[in-house]
C-alpha atoms as a PDB file:
ATOM      1  CA  UNK A   1      82.419 216.702 116.547  1.00  0.00           C
ATOM      2  CA  UNK A   2      80.912 215.997 113.132  1.00  0.00           C
ATOM      3  CA  UNK A   3      84.151 216.362 111.202  1.00  0.00           C
ATOM      4  CA  UNK A   4      87.071 214.011 111.249  1.00  0.00           C
ATOM      5  CA  UNK A   5      90.149 215.065 113.211  1.00  0.00           C
ATOM      6  CA  UNK A   6      92.138 215.503 109.998  1.00  0.00           C
ATOM      7  CA  UNK A   7      89.470 217.824 108.570  1.00  0.00           C
ATOM      8  CA  UNK A   8      89.433 219.864 111.778  1.00  0.00           C
ATOM      9  CA  UNK A   9      93.225 220.134 111.759  1.00  0.00           C
ATOM     10  CA  UNK A  10      93.179 221.225 108.116  1.00  0.00           C
ATOM     11  CA  UNK A  11      90.735 224.027 108.946  1.00  0.00           C
ATOM     12  CA  UNK A  12      92.377 225.036 112.230  1.00  0.00           C
ATOM     13  CA  UNK A  13      95.833 225.357 110.653  1.00  0.00           C
ATOM     14  CA  UNK A  14      94.497 228.401 108.805  1.00  0.00           C
ATOM     15  CA  UNK A  15      94.290 230.185 112.182  1.00  0.00           C
ATOM     16  CA  UNK A  16      97.962 229.784 113.096  1.00  0.00           C
ATOM     17  CA  UNK A  17      99.613 232.558 111.049  1.00  0.00           C
ATOM     18  CA  UNK A  18      96.880 235.226 111.447  1.00  0.00           C
ATOM     19  CA  UNK A  19      96.736 234.622 115.228  1.00  0.00           C
ATOM     20  CA  UNK A  20     100.528 234.977 115.488  1.00  0.00           C
ATOM     21  CA  UNK A  21     100.518 238.153 113.376  1.00  0.00           C
ATOM     22  CA  UNK A  22      97.699 239.940 115.164  1.00  0.00           C
ATOM     23  CA  UNK A  23      97.883 238.670 118.733  1.00  0.00           C
ATOM     24  CA  UNK A  24     101.406 237.269 118.946  1.00  0.00           C
ATOM     25  CA  UNK A  25      99.864 234.027 120.122  1.00  0.00           C
ATOM     26  CA  UNK A  26     101.041 230.593 119.079  1.00  0.00           C
ATOM     27  CA  UNK A  27      98.149 228.228 118.413  1.00  0.00           C
ATOM     28  CA  UNK A  28      98.618 224.523 119.038  1.00  0.00           C
ATOM     29  CA  UNK A  29      96.163 222.864 116.663  1.00  0.00           C
ATOM     30  CA  UNK A  30      96.600 219.359 118.104  1.00  0.00           C
ATOM     31  CA  UNK A  31      95.850 220.770 121.562  1.00  0.00           C
ATOM     32  CA  UNK A  32      92.683 222.410 120.181  1.00  0.00           C
ATOM     33  CA  UNK A  33      91.571 219.025 118.958  1.00  0.00           C
ATOM     34  CA  UNK A  34      91.975 217.377 122.363  1.00  0.00           C
ATOM     35  CA  UNK A  35      90.993 220.214 124.717  1.00  0.00           C
ATOM     36  CA  UNK A  36      87.648 221.904 123.950  1.00  0.00           C
ATOM     37  CA  UNK A  37      88.242 224.575 126.616  1.00  0.00           C
ATOM     38  CA  UNK A  38      91.496 225.625 124.967  1.00  0.00           C
ATOM     39  CA  UNK A  39      89.848 225.553 121.546  1.00  0.00           C
ATOM     40  CA  UNK A  40      86.983 227.772 122.733  1.00  0.00           C
ATOM     41  CA  UNK A  41      89.450 230.236 124.275  1.00  0.00           C
ATOM     42  CA  UNK A  42      91.474 230.449 121.052  1.00  0.00           C
ATOM     43  CA  UNK A  43      88.351 230.859 118.938  1.00  0.00           C
ATOM     44  CA  UNK A  44      86.922 233.503 121.275  1.00  0.00           C
ATOM     45  CA  UNK A  45      90.151 235.492 120.924  1.00  0.00           C
ATOM     46  CA  UNK A  46      90.105 235.033 117.146  1.00  0.00           C
ATOM     47  CA  UNK A  47      86.561 236.413 116.997  1.00  0.00           C
ATOM     48  CA  UNK A  48      87.816 239.698 118.450  1.00  0.00           C
ATOM     49  CA  UNK A  49      90.208 240.101 115.515  1.00  0.00           C
ATOM     50  CA  UNK A  50      90.280 243.039 113.144  1.00  0.00           C
ATOM     51  CA  UNK A  51      90.741 240.521 110.319  1.00  0.00           C
ATOM     52  CA  UNK A  52      87.320 239.602 108.928  1.00  0.00           C
ATOM     53  CA  UNK A  53      88.561 236.362 107.394  1.00  0.00           C
ATOM     54  CA  UNK A  54      89.987 235.228 110.744  1.00  0.00           C
ATOM     55  CA  UNK A  55      86.704 236.028 112.502  1.00  0.00           C
ATOM     56  CA  UNK A  56      84.724 234.054 109.912  1.00  0.00           C
ATOM     57  CA  UNK A  57      87.098 231.085 110.162  1.00  0.00           C
ATOM     58  CA  UNK A  58      86.841 231.126 113.970  1.00  0.00           C
ATOM     59  CA  UNK A  59      83.063 231.284 113.856  1.00  0.00           C
ATOM     60  CA  UNK A  60      82.936 228.349 111.438  1.00  0.00           C
ATOM     61  CA  UNK A  61      85.286 226.254 113.585  1.00  0.00           C
ATOM     62  CA  UNK A  62      83.302 227.058 116.706  1.00  0.00           C
ATOM     63  CA  UNK A  63      80.199 225.737 114.960  1.00  0.00           C
ATOM     64  CA  UNK A  64      82.061 222.542 114.121  1.00  0.00           C
ATOM     65  CA  UNK A  65      83.221 222.075 117.702  1.00  0.00           C
ATOM     66  CA  UNK A  66      79.705 222.358 119.060  1.00  0.00           C
ATOM     67  CA  UNK A  67      78.102 220.501 116.196  1.00  0.00           C
ATOM     68  CA  UNK A  68      75.067 221.592 114.230  1.00  0.00           C
ATOM     69  CA  UNK A  69      72.620 220.712 117.007  1.00  0.00           C
ATOM     70  CA  UNK A  70      74.560 222.173 119.916  1.00  0.00           C
ATOM     71  CA  UNK A  71      72.491 225.331 120.099  1.00  0.00           C
ATOM     72  CA  UNK A  72      68.963 224.384 120.928  1.00  0.00           C
ATOM     73  CA  UNK A  73      66.090 226.722 120.353  1.00  0.00           C
ATOM     74  CA  UNK A  74      62.951 226.510 122.411  1.00  0.00           C
ATOM     75  CA  UNK A  75      60.325 224.268 120.805  1.00  0.00           C
ATOM     76  CA  UNK A  76      57.740 225.975 118.685  1.00  0.00           C
ATOM     77  CA  UNK A  77      54.475 226.191 120.572  1.00  0.00           C
ATOM     78  CA  UNK A  78      51.086 225.976 118.922  1.00  0.00           C
ATOM     79  CA  UNK A  79      49.235 229.274 118.693  1.00  0.00           C
ATOM     80  CA  UNK A  80      46.942 229.837 121.657  1.00  0.00           C
ATOM     81  CA  UNK A  81      43.399 230.678 120.699  1.00  0.00           C
ATOM     82  CA  UNK A  82      40.507 231.597 122.905  1.00  0.00           C
ATOM     83  CA  UNK A  83      38.407 228.613 124.030  1.00  0.00           C
ATOM     84  CA  UNK A  84      35.912 227.719 121.371  1.00  0.00           C
ATOM     85  CA  UNK A  85      37.537 229.972 118.741  1.00  0.00           C
ATOM     86  CA  UNK A  86      39.409 228.638 115.737  1.00  0.00           C
ATOM     87  CA  UNK A  87      42.833 230.111 114.942  1.00  0.00           C
ATOM     88  CA  UNK A  88      42.978 232.492 112.023  1.00  0.00           C
ATOM     89  CA  UNK A  89      44.562 231.406 108.765  1.00  0.00           C
ATOM     90  CA  UNK A  90      47.488 233.794 109.324  1.00  0.00           C
ATOM     91  CA  UNK A  91      48.224 232.361 112.782  1.00  0.00           C
ATOM     92  CA  UNK A  92      48.048 228.803 111.522  1.00  0.00           C
ATOM     93  CA  UNK A  93      50.235 229.592 108.509  1.00  0.00           C
ATOM     94  CA  UNK A  94      52.835 231.265 110.741  1.00  0.00           C
ATOM     95  CA  UNK A  95      52.784 228.243 113.075  1.00  0.00           C
ATOM     96  CA  UNK A  96      53.282 225.781 110.204  1.00  0.00           C
ATOM     97  CA  UNK A  97      56.101 227.865 108.727  1.00  0.00           C
ATOM     98  CA  UNK A  98      57.802 227.986 112.136  1.00  0.00           C
ATOM     99  CA  UNK A  99      57.559 224.183 112.386  1.00  0.00           C
ATOM    100  CA  UNK A 100      59.048 223.807 108.922  1.00  0.00           C
ATOM    101  CA  UNK A 101      61.893 226.205 109.738  1.00  0.00           C
ATOM    102  CA  UNK A 102      62.584 224.358 112.997  1.00  0.00           C
ATOM    103  CA  UNK A 103      62.823 221.060 111.121  1.00  0.00           C
ATOM    104  CA  UNK A 104      65.415 222.412 108.709  1.00  0.00           C
ATOM    105  CA  UNK A 105      67.327 224.252 111.435  1.00  0.00           C
ATOM    106  CA  UNK A 106      67.733 221.002 113.389  1.00  0.00           C
ATOM    107  CA  UNK A 107      68.677 219.089 110.278  1.00  0.00           C
ATOM    108  CA  UNK A 108      67.078 216.157 108.577  1.00  0.00           C
ATOM    109  CA  UNK A 109      67.869 212.709 109.837  1.00  0.00           C
END
């Protein structure tokens, strides 16, 4: 988790009242902090909400639980050209832009 426990608790507390109103479910924030399975179950339920704000909050918290690099995309492969042929400018530009986007998606170190 990239956030401190106190920051996570501060954000997760915002789920308590809307979850009780809509689903009649009591959310134990300290349990969410210590049990990722419970946290994922609560957030999955929150994402089915009719309340847009609750869905957005749940999606944001789920991203924090997994961290920014938890979802890995397949590596960008170089464009395949025929043997002896040079790649076109458009193919090379698209490849370089995909590399740049991949770098920013993963995050700078």
